[in-house]
Structures are given as C-alpha cells and as structure tokens.
Amino acid sequence: MHALLWSARKVSVSVEVACALAARLAASTSGVAASEVVSHRRSSRRVSTARQIGMYLAHTTAGLPLTKVAEYFGRDRTTAAHACRLIEDRRDDRKFDAELSELEDLLRAICGAAR
C-alpha cells in the first residue's frame, strides 16, 4: 500500500501540460489569447513577447528541454534558446522581474501540486 501511495506522488506533469500552463500564464498576463502564443504564424510584438515568456517558463521553471519546448510552441530549438536569453536579459528590470517571479511561483505551485 505504501509503495502505491509513494508512486502516485511521483507522477509528473507531461510536457504538453507544462507547456500549455506556461503558455496560458504568459498569454493571460500579456492580454493575448493562448492560441496566438502557440500559433505557427508570425505575430505581433505583444504575442511574440508572450510566446518568449511562455518558452522561458516552460524551460526554466518546468525544467523541460529546449527541444520539447520549441516543438510545443512551433519553433526551432535555437529560437527557444534565444527567447530564454531575451527574457533572462529583461530580468534586470525590477518590475518585469517581479511579474515573472509571480508567474514562476504560479507554475511551480500548479506543476508541484500535480506531482
């Protein structure tokens, strides 16, 4: 019985679920639709920024490999890596860093609860 309970606690969130959560969090704070964030088409700067935040969250907070993140968001691995660098550079802005920290905490809480 204890082994069954222990294995149930170790269930992890799938790549798709973690990426979807990251995309929705990024979209909601940016005021765009989540469907736009994962769209394969070129988009406005606002949508692109939301997508970059989503990729950053999925990679750094959910701990997903860049290849999986890029695949979910319909981009190349190098594009996902570039997005992560851009968002990391923007963290020098205290306001942006505080907002991003809130998103990270939310994603950790949601993904952690599912584990």
PDB file of N, CA and C in Angstrom:
ATOM      1  N   MET A   1       0.819  -1.195   0.000  1.00  0.00           N
ATOM      2  CA  MET A   1       0.000   0.000   0.000  1.00  0.00           C
ATOM      3  C   MET A   1       0.867   1.264   0.000  1.00  0.00           C
ATOM      4  N   HIS A   2       1.920   1.279   0.825  1.00  0.00           N
ATOM      5  CA  HIS A   2       2.787   2.459   0.880  1.00  0.00           C
ATOM      6  C   HIS A   2       3.490   2.691  -0.454  1.00  0.00           C
ATOM      7  N   ALA A   3       3.879   1.616  -1.128  1.00  0.00           N
ATOM      8  CA  ALA A   3       4.538   1.754  -2.427  1.00  0.00           C
ATOM      9  C   ALA A   3       3.595   2.385  -3.441  1.00  0.00           C
ATOM     10  N   LEU A   4       2.328   2.019  -3.397  1.00  0.00           N
ATOM     11  CA  LEU A   4       1.342   2.587  -4.313  1.00  0.00           C
ATOM     12  C   LEU A   4       1.167   4.084  -4.050  1.00  0.00           C
ATOM     13  N   LEU A   5       1.074   4.472  -2.807  1.00  0.00           N
ATOM     14  CA  LEU A   5       0.948   5.885  -2.466  1.00  0.00           C
ATOM     15  C   LEU A   5       2.197   6.660  -2.866  1.00  0.00           C
ATOM     16  N   TRP A   6       3.364   6.082  -2.640  1.00  0.00           N
ATOM     17  CA  TRP A   6       4.615   6.745  -2.993  1.00  0.00           C
ATOM     18  C   TRP A   6       4.705   6.963  -4.499  1.00  0.00           C
ATOM     19  N   SER A   7       4.350   5.950  -5.301  1.00  0.00           N
ATOM     20  CA  SER A   7       4.439   6.092  -6.752  1.00  0.00           C
ATOM     21  C   SER A   7       3.412   7.098  -7.263  1.00  0.00           C
ATOM     22  N   ALA A   8       2.276   7.213  -6.605  1.00  0.00           N
ATOM     23  CA  ALA A   8       1.276   8.192  -7.019  1.00  0.00           C
ATOM     24  C   ALA A   8       1.785   9.612  -6.805  1.00  0.00           C
ATOM     25  N   ARG A   9       2.597   9.831  -5.805  1.00  0.00           N
ATOM     26  CA  ARG A   9       3.152  11.160  -5.537  1.00  0.00           C
ATOM     27  C   ARG A   9       4.234  11.542  -6.541  1.00  0.00           C
ATOM     28  N   LYS A  10       4.841  10.568  -7.181  1.00  0.00           N
ATOM     29  CA  LYS A  10       5.941  10.845  -8.096  1.00  0.00           C
ATOM     30  C   LYS A  10       5.464  11.063  -9.532  1.00  0.00           C
ATOM     31  N   VAL A  11       4.161  11.105  -9.759  1.00  0.00           N
ATOM     32  CA  VAL A  11       3.634  11.347 -11.098  1.00  0.00           C
ATOM     33  C   VAL A  11       4.006  12.769 -11.503  1.00  0.00           C
ATOM     34  N   SER A  12       4.560  12.912 -12.673  1.00  0.00           N
ATOM     35  CA  SER A  12       4.972  14.245 -13.103  1.00  0.00           C
ATOM     36  C   SER A  12       4.012  14.776 -14.161  1.00  0.00           C
ATOM     37  N   VAL A  13       4.051  16.073 -14.332  1.00  0.00           N
ATOM     38  CA  VAL A  13       3.227  16.728 -15.329  1.00  0.00           C
ATOM     39  C   VAL A  13       3.852  16.469 -16.692  1.00  0.00           C
ATOM     40  N   SER A  14       3.020  16.168 -17.682  1.00  0.00           N
ATOM     41  CA  SER A  14       3.540  15.896 -19.021  1.00  0.00           C
ATOM     42  C   SER A  14       4.088  17.174 -19.653  1.00  0.00           C
ATOM     43  N   VAL A  15       4.875  16.987 -20.683  1.00  0.00           N
ATOM     44  CA  VAL A  15       5.451  18.116 -21.417  1.00  0.00           C
ATOM     45  C   VAL A  15       4.334  19.012 -21.941  1.00  0.00           C
ATOM     46  N   GLU A  16       3.300  18.397 -22.518  1.00  0.00           N
ATOM     47  CA  GLU A  16       2.202  19.164 -23.098  1.00  0.00           C
ATOM     48  C   GLU A  16       1.475  19.993 -22.041  1.00  0.00           C
ATOM     49  N   VAL A  17       1.226  19.384 -20.892  1.00  0.00           N
ATOM     50  CA  VAL A  17       0.513  20.099 -19.827  1.00  0.00           C
ATOM     51  C   VAL A  17       1.363  21.246 -19.296  1.00  0.00           C
ATOM     52  N   ALA A  18       2.632  20.999 -19.049  1.00  0.00           N
ATOM     53  CA  ALA A  18       3.517  22.048 -18.531  1.00  0.00           C
ATOM     54  C   ALA A  18       3.640  23.198 -19.529  1.00  0.00           C
ATOM     55  N   CYS A  19       3.790  22.874 -20.812  1.00  0.00           N
ATOM     56  CA  CYS A  19       3.890  23.922 -21.836  1.00  0.00           C
ATOM     57  C   CYS A  19       2.575  24.685 -21.973  1.00  0.00           C
ATOM     58  N   ALA A  20       1.467  23.967 -21.922  1.00  0.00           N
ATOM     59  CA  ALA A  20       0.158  24.621 -22.021  1.00  0.00           C
ATOM     60  C   ALA A  20      -0.059  25.578 -20.854  1.00  0.00           C
ATOM     61  N   LEU A  21       0.330  25.154 -19.666  1.00  0.00           N
ATOM     62  CA  LEU A  21       0.208  26.026 -18.492  1.00  0.00           C
ATOM     63  C   LEU A  21       1.090  27.263 -18.636  1.00  0.00           C
ATOM     64  N   ALA A  22       2.321  27.061 -19.077  1.00  0.00           N
ATOM     65  CA  ALA A  22       3.240  28.188 -19.268  1.00  0.00           C
ATOM     66  C   ALA A  22       2.694  29.152 -20.320  1.00  0.00           C
ATOM     67  N   ALA A  23       2.159  28.610 -21.409  1.00  0.00           N
ATOM     68  CA  ALA A  23       1.599  29.443 -22.475  1.00  0.00           C
ATOM     69  C   ALA A  23       0.396  30.233 -21.977  1.00  0.00           C
ATOM     70  N   ARG A  24      -0.473  29.588 -21.213  1.00  0.00           N
ATOM     71  CA  ARG A  24      -1.666  30.277 -20.696  1.00  0.00           C
ATOM     72  C   ARG A  24      -1.296  31.374 -19.694  1.00  0.00           C
ATOM     73  N   LEU A  25      -0.342  31.081 -18.829  1.00  0.00           N
ATOM     74  CA  LEU A  25       0.099  32.102 -17.875  1.00  0.00           C
ATOM     75  C   LEU A  25       0.680  33.310 -18.605  1.00  0.00           C
ATOM     76  N   ALA A  26       1.536  33.047 -19.588  1.00  0.00           N
ATOM     77  CA  ALA A  26       2.158  34.133 -20.349  1.00  0.00           C
ATOM     78  C   ALA A  26       1.109  34.916 -21.133  1.00  0.00           C
ATOM     79  N   ALA A  27       0.166  34.213 -21.727  1.00  0.00           N
ATOM     80  CA  ALA A  27      -0.883  34.872 -22.510  1.00  0.00           C
ATOM     81  C   ALA A  27      -1.768  35.740 -21.630  1.00  0.00           C
ATOM     82  N   SER A  28      -2.141  35.215 -20.480  1.00  0.00           N
ATOM     83  CA  SER A  28      -3.055  35.964 -19.611  1.00  0.00           C
ATOM     84  C   SER A  28      -2.428  37.257 -19.097  1.00  0.00           C
ATOM     85  N   THR A  29      -1.158  37.237 -18.797  1.00  0.00           N
ATOM     86  CA  THR A  29      -0.514  38.457 -18.305  1.00  0.00           C
ATOM     87  C   THR A  29      -0.211  39.439 -19.436  1.00  0.00           C
ATOM     88  N   SER A  30      -0.146  38.938 -20.659  1.00  0.00           N
ATOM     89  CA  SER A  30       0.153  39.797 -21.805  1.00  0.00           C
ATOM     90  C   SER A  30      -1.105  40.288 -22.507  1.00  0.00           C
ATOM     91  N   GLY A  31      -2.253  39.751 -22.115  1.00  0.00           N
ATOM     92  CA  GLY A  31      -3.509  40.166 -22.729  1.00  0.00           C
ATOM     93  C   GLY A  31      -3.721  39.636 -24.132  1.00  0.00           C
ATOM     94  N   VAL A  32      -3.192  38.458 -24.403  1.00  0.00           N
ATOM     95  CA  VAL A  32      -3.395  37.820 -25.706  1.00  0.00           C
ATOM     96  C   VAL A  32      -3.992  36.434 -25.492  1.00  0.00           C
ATOM     97  N   ALA A  33      -4.502  35.854 -26.564  1.00  0.00           N
ATOM     98  CA  ALA A  33      -5.085  34.517 -26.475  1.00  0.00           C
ATOM     99  C   ALA A  33      -3.981  33.465 -26.449  1.00  0.00           C
ATOM    100  N   ALA A  34      -4.196  32.425 -25.669  1.00  0.00           N
ATOM    101  CA  ALA A  34      -3.209  31.340 -25.597  1.00  0.00           C
ATOM    102  C   ALA A  34      -3.010  30.699 -26.964  1.00  0.00           C
ATOM    103  N   SER A  35      -4.055  30.658 -27.771  1.00  0.00           N
ATOM    104  CA  SER A  35      -3.936  30.069 -29.110  1.00  0.00           C
ATOM    105  C   SER A  35      -2.969  30.866 -29.978  1.00  0.00           C
ATOM    106  N   GLU A  36      -2.884  32.178 -29.761  1.00  0.00           N
ATOM    107  CA  GLU A  36      -1.935  33.001 -30.514  1.00  0.00           C
ATOM    108  C   GLU A  36      -0.499  32.715 -30.089  1.00  0.00           C
ATOM    109  N   VAL A  37      -0.322  32.431 -28.810  1.00  0.00           N
ATOM    110  CA  VAL A  37       1.023  32.183 -28.271  1.00  0.00           C
ATOM    111  C   VAL A  37       1.634  30.933 -28.889  1.00  0.00           C
ATOM    112  N   VAL A  38       0.822  29.939 -29.172  1.00  0.00           N
ATOM    113  CA  VAL A  38       1.340  28.684 -29.730  1.00  0.00           C
ATOM    114  C   VAL A  38       1.114  28.581 -31.239  1.00  0.00           C
ATOM    115  N   SER A  39       0.663  29.671 -31.850  1.00  0.00           N
ATOM    116  CA  SER A  39       0.430  29.682 -33.289  1.00  0.00           C
ATOM    117  C   SER A  39       1.755  29.585 -34.045  1.00  0.00           C
ATOM    118  N   HIS A  40       1.715  28.934 -35.188  1.00  0.00           N
ATOM    119  CA  HIS A  40       2.918  28.772 -36.009  1.00  0.00           C
ATOM    120  C   HIS A  40       3.162  29.989 -36.909  1.00  0.00           C
ATOM    121  N   ARG A  41       2.204  30.905 -36.944  1.00  0.00           N
ATOM    122  CA  ARG A  41       2.331  32.077 -37.812  1.00  0.00           C
ATOM    123  C   ARG A  41       3.150  33.178 -37.140  1.00  0.00           C
ATOM    124  N   ARG A  42       3.657  34.075 -37.965  1.00  0.00           N
ATOM    125  CA  ARG A  42       4.325  35.262 -37.425  1.00  0.00           C
ATOM    126  C   ARG A  42       3.264  36.103 -36.742  1.00  0.00           C
ATOM    127  N   SER A  43       3.674  36.853 -35.752  1.00  0.00           N
ATOM    128  CA  SER A  43       2.671  37.581 -34.984  1.00  0.00           C
ATOM    129  C   SER A  43       3.201  38.932 -34.519  1.00  0.00           C
ATOM    130  N   SER A  44       2.333  39.654 -33.836  1.00  0.00           N
ATOM    131  CA  SER A  44       2.693  40.978 -33.332  1.00  0.00           C
ATOM    132  C   SER A  44       3.762  40.865 -32.242  1.00  0.00           C
ATOM    133  N   ARG A  45       4.336  41.985 -31.915  1.00  0.00           N
ATOM    134  CA  ARG A  45       5.365  42.018 -30.867  1.00  0.00           C
ATOM    135  C   ARG A  45       4.787  41.554 -29.529  1.00  0.00           C
ATOM    136  N   ARG A  46       3.567  41.939 -29.246  1.00  0.00           N
ATOM    137  CA  ARG A  46       2.920  41.555 -27.987  1.00  0.00           C
ATOM    138  C   ARG A  46       2.790  40.033 -27.873  1.00  0.00           C
ATOM    139  N   VAL A  47       2.364  39.407 -28.965  1.00  0.00           N
ATOM    140  CA  VAL A  47       2.220  37.949 -28.980  1.00  0.00           C
ATOM    141  C   VAL A  47       3.593  37.289 -28.920  1.00  0.00           C
ATOM    142  N   SER A  48       4.550  37.827 -29.648  1.00  0.00           N
ATOM    143  CA  SER A  48       5.907  37.265 -29.637  1.00  0.00           C
ATOM    144  C   SER A  48       6.516  37.315 -28.240  1.00  0.00           C
ATOM    145  N   THR A  49       6.302  38.424 -27.547  1.00  0.00           N
ATOM    146  CA  THR A  49       6.823  38.547 -26.182  1.00  0.00           C
ATOM    147  C   THR A  49       6.155  37.537 -25.260  1.00  0.00           C
ATOM    148  N   ALA A  50       4.842  37.376 -25.404  1.00  0.00           N
ATOM    149  CA  ALA A  50       4.124  36.380 -24.594  1.00  0.00           C
ATOM    150  C   ALA A  50       4.659  34.980 -24.881  1.00  0.00           C
ATOM    151  N   ARG A  51       4.925  34.687 -26.149  1.00  0.00           N
ATOM    152  CA  ARG A  51       5.468  33.378 -26.522  1.00  0.00           C
ATOM    153  C   ARG A  51       6.845  33.177 -25.895  1.00  0.00           C
ATOM    154  N   GLN A  52       7.673  34.208 -25.937  1.00  0.00           N
ATOM    155  CA  GLN A  52       9.008  34.118 -25.341  1.00  0.00           C
ATOM    156  C   GLN A  52       8.928  33.866 -23.840  1.00  0.00           C
ATOM    157  N   ILE A  53       7.998  34.531 -23.172  1.00  0.00           N
ATOM    158  CA  ILE A  53       7.808  34.309 -21.738  1.00  0.00           C
ATOM    159  C   ILE A  53       7.345  32.880 -21.493  1.00  0.00           C
ATOM    160  N   GLY A  54       6.420  32.404 -22.303  1.00  0.00           N
ATOM    161  CA  GLY A  54       5.940  31.028 -22.166  1.00  0.00           C
ATOM    162  C   GLY A  54       7.049  30.007 -22.347  1.00  0.00           C
ATOM    163  N   MET A  55       7.889  30.220 -23.355  1.00  0.00           N
ATOM    164  CA  MET A  55       9.002  29.297 -23.585  1.00  0.00           C
ATOM    165  C   MET A  55       9.990  29.348 -22.424  1.00  0.00           C
ATOM    166  N   TYR A  56      10.242  30.548 -21.933  1.00  0.00           N
ATOM    167  CA  TYR A  56      11.153  30.716 -20.793  1.00  0.00           C
ATOM    168  C   TYR A  56      10.623  29.963 -19.573  1.00  0.00           C
ATOM    169  N   LEU A  57       9.348  30.151 -19.262  1.00  0.00           N
ATOM    170  CA  LEU A  57       8.750  29.479 -18.107  1.00  0.00           C
ATOM    171  C   LEU A  57       8.787  27.964 -18.258  1.00  0.00           C
ATOM    172  N   ALA A  58       8.449  27.489 -19.446  1.00  0.00           N
ATOM    173  CA  ALA A  58       8.430  26.044 -19.672  1.00  0.00           C
ATOM    174  C   ALA A  58       9.823  25.444 -19.505  1.00  0.00           C
ATOM    175  N   HIS A  59      10.833  26.167 -19.968  1.00  0.00           N
ATOM    176  CA  HIS A  59      12.199  25.644 -19.889  1.00  0.00           C
ATOM    177  C   HIS A  59      12.795  25.805 -18.492  1.00  0.00           C
ATOM    178  N   THR A  60      12.762  27.014 -17.959  1.00  0.00           N
ATOM    179  CA  THR A  60      13.468  27.264 -16.700  1.00  0.00           C
ATOM    180  C   THR A  60      12.690  26.823 -15.469  1.00  0.00           C
ATOM    181  N   THR A  61      11.389  27.045 -15.469  1.00  0.00           N
ATOM    182  CA  THR A  61      10.595  26.742 -14.278  1.00  0.00           C
ATOM    183  C   THR A  61      10.095  25.308 -14.274  1.00  0.00           C
ATOM    184  N   ALA A  62       9.587  24.852 -15.423  1.00  0.00           N
ATOM    185  CA  ALA A  62       9.098  23.471 -15.503  1.00  0.00           C
ATOM    186  C   ALA A  62      10.236  22.496 -15.778  1.00  0.00           C
ATOM    187  N   GLY A  63      11.406  23.021 -16.168  1.00  0.00           N
ATOM    188  CA  GLY A  63      12.577  22.177 -16.377  1.00  0.00           C
ATOM    189  C   GLY A  63      12.532  21.322 -17.624  1.00  0.00           C
ATOM    190  N   LEU A  64      11.802  21.775 -18.633  1.00  0.00           N
ATOM    191  CA  LEU A  64      11.686  20.996 -19.865  1.00  0.00           C
ATOM    192  C   LEU A  64      12.843  21.295 -20.814  1.00  0.00           C
ATOM    193  N   PRO A  65      13.264  20.297 -21.585  1.00  0.00           N
ATOM    194  CA  PRO A  65      14.344  20.531 -22.556  1.00  0.00           C
ATOM    195  C   PRO A  65      13.895  21.505 -23.651  1.00  0.00           C
ATOM    196  N   LEU A  66      14.827  22.288 -24.138  1.00  0.00           N
ATOM    197  CA  LEU A  66      14.511  23.272 -25.174  1.00  0.00           C
ATOM    198  C   LEU A  66      13.891  22.640 -26.414  1.00  0.00           C
ATOM    199  N   THR A  67      14.314  21.445 -26.769  1.00  0.00           N
ATOM    200  CA  THR A  67      13.746  20.796 -27.958  1.00  0.00           C
ATOM    201  C   THR A  67      12.252  20.548 -27.789  1.00  0.00           C
ATOM    202  N   LYS A  68      11.836  20.114 -26.606  1.00  0.00           N
ATOM    203  CA  LYS A  68      10.413  19.850 -26.343  1.00  0.00           C
ATOM    204  C   LYS A  68       9.624  21.153 -26.281  1.00  0.00           C
ATOM    205  N   VAL A  69      10.204  22.165 -25.658  1.00  0.00           N
ATOM    206  CA  VAL A  69       9.550  23.471 -25.562  1.00  0.00           C
ATOM    207  C   VAL A  69       9.350  24.043 -26.964  1.00  0.00           C
ATOM    208  N   ALA A  70      10.399  24.019 -27.764  1.00  0.00           N
ATOM    209  CA  ALA A  70      10.328  24.548 -29.125  1.00  0.00           C
ATOM    210  C   ALA A  70       9.281  23.806 -29.948  1.00  0.00           C
ATOM    211  N   GLU A  71       9.244  22.511 -29.810  1.00  0.00           N
ATOM    212  CA  GLU A  71       8.269  21.701 -30.546  1.00  0.00           C
ATOM    213  C   GLU A  71       6.846  22.112 -30.180  1.00  0.00           C
ATOM    214  N   TYR A  72       6.577  22.269 -28.904  1.00  0.00           N
ATOM    215  CA  TYR A  72       5.230  22.638 -28.464  1.00  0.00           C
ATOM    216  C   TYR A  72       4.830  24.019 -28.997  1.00  0.00           C
ATOM    217  N   PHE A  73       5.746  24.968 -28.940  1.00  0.00           N
ATOM    218  CA  PHE A  73       5.444  26.332 -29.358  1.00  0.00           C
ATOM    219  C   PHE A  73       5.593  26.537 -30.868  1.00  0.00           C
ATOM    220  N   GLY A  74       5.915  25.486 -31.596  1.00  0.00           N
ATOM    221  CA  GLY A  74       6.010  25.574 -33.045  1.00  0.00           C
ATOM    222  C   GLY A  74       7.203  26.362 -33.537  1.00  0.00           C
ATOM    223  N   ARG A  75       8.297  26.266 -32.812  1.00  0.00           N
ATOM    224  CA  ARG A  75       9.502  26.995 -33.173  1.00  0.00           C
ATOM    225  C   ARG A  75      10.704  26.057 -33.166  1.00  0.00           C
ATOM    226  N   ASP A  76      11.833  26.551 -33.647  1.00  0.00           N
ATOM    227  CA  ASP A  76      13.082  25.805 -33.658  1.00  0.00           C
ATOM    228  C   ASP A  76      13.726  25.881 -32.273  1.00  0.00           C
ATOM    229  N   ARG A  77      14.561  24.910 -31.951  1.00  0.00           N
ATOM    230  CA  ARG A  77      15.251  24.890 -30.658  1.00  0.00           C
ATOM    231  C   ARG A  77      16.081  26.148 -30.445  1.00  0.00           C
ATOM    232  N   THR A  78      16.743  26.615 -31.494  1.00  0.00           N
ATOM    233  CA  THR A  78      17.571  27.812 -31.349  1.00  0.00           C
ATOM    234  C   THR A  78      16.715  29.053 -31.075  1.00  0.00           C
ATOM    235  N   THR A  79      15.508  29.072 -31.620  1.00  0.00           N
ATOM    236  CA  THR A  79      14.583  30.174 -31.351  1.00  0.00           C
ATOM    237  C   THR A  79      14.152  30.160 -29.889  1.00  0.00           C
ATOM    238  N   ALA A  80      13.886  28.976 -29.359  1.00  0.00           N
ATOM    239  CA  ALA A  80      13.515  28.847 -27.946  1.00  0.00           C
ATOM    240  C   ALA A  80      14.679  29.281 -27.050  1.00  0.00           C
ATOM    241  N   ALA A  81      15.889  28.901 -27.420  1.00  0.00           N
ATOM    242  CA  ALA A  81      17.067  29.297 -26.640  1.00  0.00           C
ATOM    243  C   ALA A  81      17.237  30.817 -26.673  1.00  0.00           C
ATOM    244  N   HIS A  82      17.027  31.407 -27.843  1.00  0.00           N
ATOM    245  CA  HIS A  82      17.120  32.862 -27.982  1.00  0.00           C
ATOM    246  C   HIS A  82      16.055  33.550 -27.119  1.00  0.00           C
ATOM    247  N   ALA A  83      14.851  33.009 -27.115  1.00  0.00           N
ATOM    248  CA  ALA A  83      13.769  33.568 -26.293  1.00  0.00           C
ATOM    249  C   ALA A  83      14.149  33.549 -24.816  1.00  0.00           C
ATOM    250  N   CYS A  84      14.735  32.460 -24.378  1.00  0.00           N
ATOM    251  CA  CYS A  84      15.149  32.351 -22.973  1.00  0.00           C
ATOM    252  C   CYS A  84      16.215  33.387 -22.630  1.00  0.00           C
ATOM    253  N   ARG A  85      17.154  33.601 -23.547  1.00  0.00           N
ATOM    254  CA  ARG A  85      18.192  34.614 -23.315  1.00  0.00           C
ATOM    255  C   ARG A  85      17.584  36.018 -23.248  1.00  0.00           C
ATOM    256  N   LEU A  86      16.639  36.303 -24.158  1.00  0.00           N
ATOM    257  CA  LEU A  86      15.998  37.622 -24.166  1.00  0.00           C
ATOM    258  C   LEU A  86      15.248  37.888 -22.865  1.00  0.00           C
ATOM    259  N   ILE A  87      14.490  36.907 -22.420  1.00  0.00           N
ATOM    260  CA  ILE A  87      13.713  37.081 -21.190  1.00  0.00           C
ATOM    261  C   ILE A  87      14.647  37.199 -19.990  1.00  0.00           C
ATOM    262  N   GLU A  88      15.691  36.405 -19.964  1.00  0.00           N
ATOM    263  CA  GLU A  88      16.659  36.496 -18.863  1.00  0.00           C
ATOM    264  C   GLU A  88      17.290  37.889 -18.822  1.00  0.00           C
ATOM    265  N   ASP A  89      17.609  38.445 -19.981  1.00  0.00           N
ATOM    266  CA  ASP A  89      18.182  39.792 -20.042  1.00  0.00           C
ATOM    267  C   ASP A  89      17.201  40.850 -19.529  1.00  0.00           C
ATOM    268  N   ARG A  90      15.915  40.646 -19.774  1.00  0.00           N
ATOM    269  CA  ARG A  90      14.900  41.606 -19.327  1.00  0.00           C
ATOM    270  C   ARG A  90      14.692  41.573 -17.818  1.00  0.00           C
ATOM    271  N   ARG A  91      15.189  40.565 -17.148  1.00  0.00           N
ATOM    272  CA  ARG A  91      15.004  40.449 -15.703  1.00  0.00           C
ATOM    273  C   ARG A  91      15.771  41.522 -14.930  1.00  0.00           C
ATOM    274  N   ASP A  92      16.636  42.269 -15.606  1.00  0.00           N
ATOM    275  CA  ASP A  92      17.321  43.386 -14.954  1.00  0.00           C
ATOM    276  C   ASP A  92      16.326  44.482 -14.559  1.00  0.00           C
ATOM    277  N   ASP A  93      15.202  44.536 -15.268  1.00  0.00           N
ATOM    278  CA  ASP A  93      14.124  45.472 -14.944  1.00  0.00           C
ATOM    279  C   ASP A  93      13.349  44.905 -13.748  1.00  0.00           C
ATOM    280  N   ARG A  94      13.363  45.624 -12.636  1.00  0.00           N
ATOM    281  CA  ARG A  94      12.769  45.111 -11.389  1.00  0.00           C
ATOM    282  C   ARG A  94      11.286  44.784 -11.526  1.00  0.00           C
ATOM    283  N   LYS A  95      10.547  45.631 -12.224  1.00  0.00           N
ATOM    284  CA  LYS A  95       9.106  45.397 -12.394  1.00  0.00           C
ATOM    285  C   LYS A  95       8.868  44.116 -13.191  1.00  0.00           C
ATOM    286  N   PHE A  96       9.579  43.980 -14.297  1.00  0.00           N
ATOM    287  CA  PHE A  96       9.439  42.782 -15.119  1.00  0.00           C
ATOM    288  C   PHE A  96       9.852  41.542 -14.326  1.00  0.00           C
ATOM    289  N   ASP A  97      10.941  41.652 -13.578  1.00  0.00           N
ATOM    290  CA  ASP A  97      11.422  40.527 -12.778  1.00  0.00           C
ATOM    291  C   ASP A  97      10.380  40.106 -11.740  1.00  0.00           C
ATOM    292  N   ALA A  98       9.740  41.077 -11.110  1.00  0.00           N
ATOM    293  CA  ALA A  98       8.714  40.765 -10.104  1.00  0.00           C
ATOM    294  C   ALA A  98       7.519  40.062 -10.742  1.00  0.00           C
ATOM    295  N   GLU A  99       7.096  40.542 -11.912  1.00  0.00           N
ATOM    296  CA  GLU A  99       5.973  39.912 -12.616  1.00  0.00           C
ATOM    297  C   GLU A  99       6.328  38.488 -13.032  1.00  0.00           C
ATOM    298  N   LEU A 100       7.535  38.318 -13.540  1.00  0.00           N
ATOM    299  CA  LEU A 100       7.972  36.996 -13.970  1.00  0.00           C
ATOM    300  C   LEU A 100       8.111  36.051 -12.779  1.00  0.00           C
ATOM    301  N   SER A 101       8.580  36.557 -11.672  1.00  0.00           N
ATOM    302  CA  SER A 101       8.693  35.736 -10.459  1.00  0.00           C
ATOM    303  C   SER A 101       7.328  35.226 -10.010  1.00  0.00           C
ATOM    304  N   GLU A 102       6.299  36.061 -10.128  1.00  0.00           N
ATOM    305  CA  GLU A 102       4.942  35.628  -9.788  1.00  0.00           C
ATOM    306  C   GLU A 102       4.487  34.492 -10.698  1.00  0.00           C
ATOM    307  N   LEU A 103       4.779  34.628 -11.992  1.00  0.00           N
ATOM    308  CA  LEU A 103       4.411  33.571 -12.940  1.00  0.00           C
ATOM    309  C   LEU A 103       5.154  32.277 -12.625  1.00  0.00           C
ATOM    310  N   GLU A 104       6.430  32.401 -12.292  1.00  0.00           N
ATOM    311  CA  GLU A 104       7.218  31.219 -11.931  1.00  0.00           C
ATOM    312  C   GLU A 104       6.636  30.534 -10.699  1.00  0.00           C
ATOM    313  N   ASP A 105       6.268  31.326  -9.704  1.00  0.00           N
ATOM    314  CA  ASP A 105       5.678  30.762  -8.484  1.00  0.00           C
ATOM    315  C   ASP A 105       4.366  30.045  -8.783  1.00  0.00           C
ATOM    316  N   LEU A 106       3.540  30.653  -9.634  1.00  0.00           N
ATOM    317  CA  LEU A 106       2.274  30.017 -10.015  1.00  0.00           C
ATOM    318  C   LEU A 106       2.513  28.695 -10.733  1.00  0.00           C
ATOM    319  N   LEU A 107       3.425  28.708 -11.693  1.00  0.00           N
ATOM    320  CA  LEU A 107       3.699  27.490 -12.451  1.00  0.00           C
ATOM    321  C   LEU A 107       4.276  26.401 -11.550  1.00  0.00           C
ATOM    322  N   ARG A 108       5.177  26.776 -10.662  1.00  0.00           N
ATOM    323  CA  ARG A 108       5.726  25.800  -9.710  1.00  0.00           C
ATOM    324  C   ARG A 108       4.629  25.219  -8.826  1.00  0.00           C
ATOM    325  N   ALA A 109       3.723  26.067  -8.362  1.00  0.00           N
ATOM    326  CA  ALA A 109       2.638  25.609  -7.485  1.00  0.00           C
ATOM    327  C   ALA A 109       1.718  24.642  -8.220  1.00  0.00           C
ATOM    328  N   ILE A 110       1.397  24.962  -9.461  1.00  0.00           N
ATOM    329  CA  ILE A 110       0.499  24.099 -10.229  1.00  0.00           C
ATOM    330  C   ILE A 110       1.188  22.790 -10.583  1.00  0.00           C
ATOM    331  N   CYS A 111       2.397  22.873 -11.115  1.00  0.00           N
ATOM    332  CA  CYS A 111       3.121  21.655 -11.504  1.00  0.00           C
ATOM    333  C   CYS A 111       3.493  20.829 -10.286  1.00  0.00           C
ATOM    334  N   GLY A 112       3.855  21.494  -9.205  1.00  0.00           N
ATOM    335  CA  GLY A 112       4.214  20.788  -7.981  1.00  0.00           C
ATOM    336  C   GLY A 112       3.040  20.060  -7.370  1.00  0.00           C
ATOM    337  N   ALA A 113       1.843  20.633  -7.488  1.00  0.00           N
ATOM    338  CA  ALA A 113       0.643  20.006  -6.932  1.00  0.00           C
ATOM    339  C   ALA A 113       0.281  18.746  -7.691  1.00  0.00           C
ATOM    340  N   ALA A 114       0.680  18.692  -8.958  1.00  0.00           N
ATOM    341  CA  ALA A 114       0.351  17.521  -9.772  1.00  0.00           C
ATOM    342  C   ALA A 114       1.364  16.403  -9.603  1.00  0.00           C
ATOM    343  N   ARG A 115       2.446  16.665  -8.925  1.00  0.00           N
ATOM    344  CA  ARG A 115       3.490  15.646  -8.761  1.00  0.00           C
ATOM    345  C   ARG A 115       3.204  14.717  -7.629  1.00  0.00           C
TER     346      ARG A 115
END
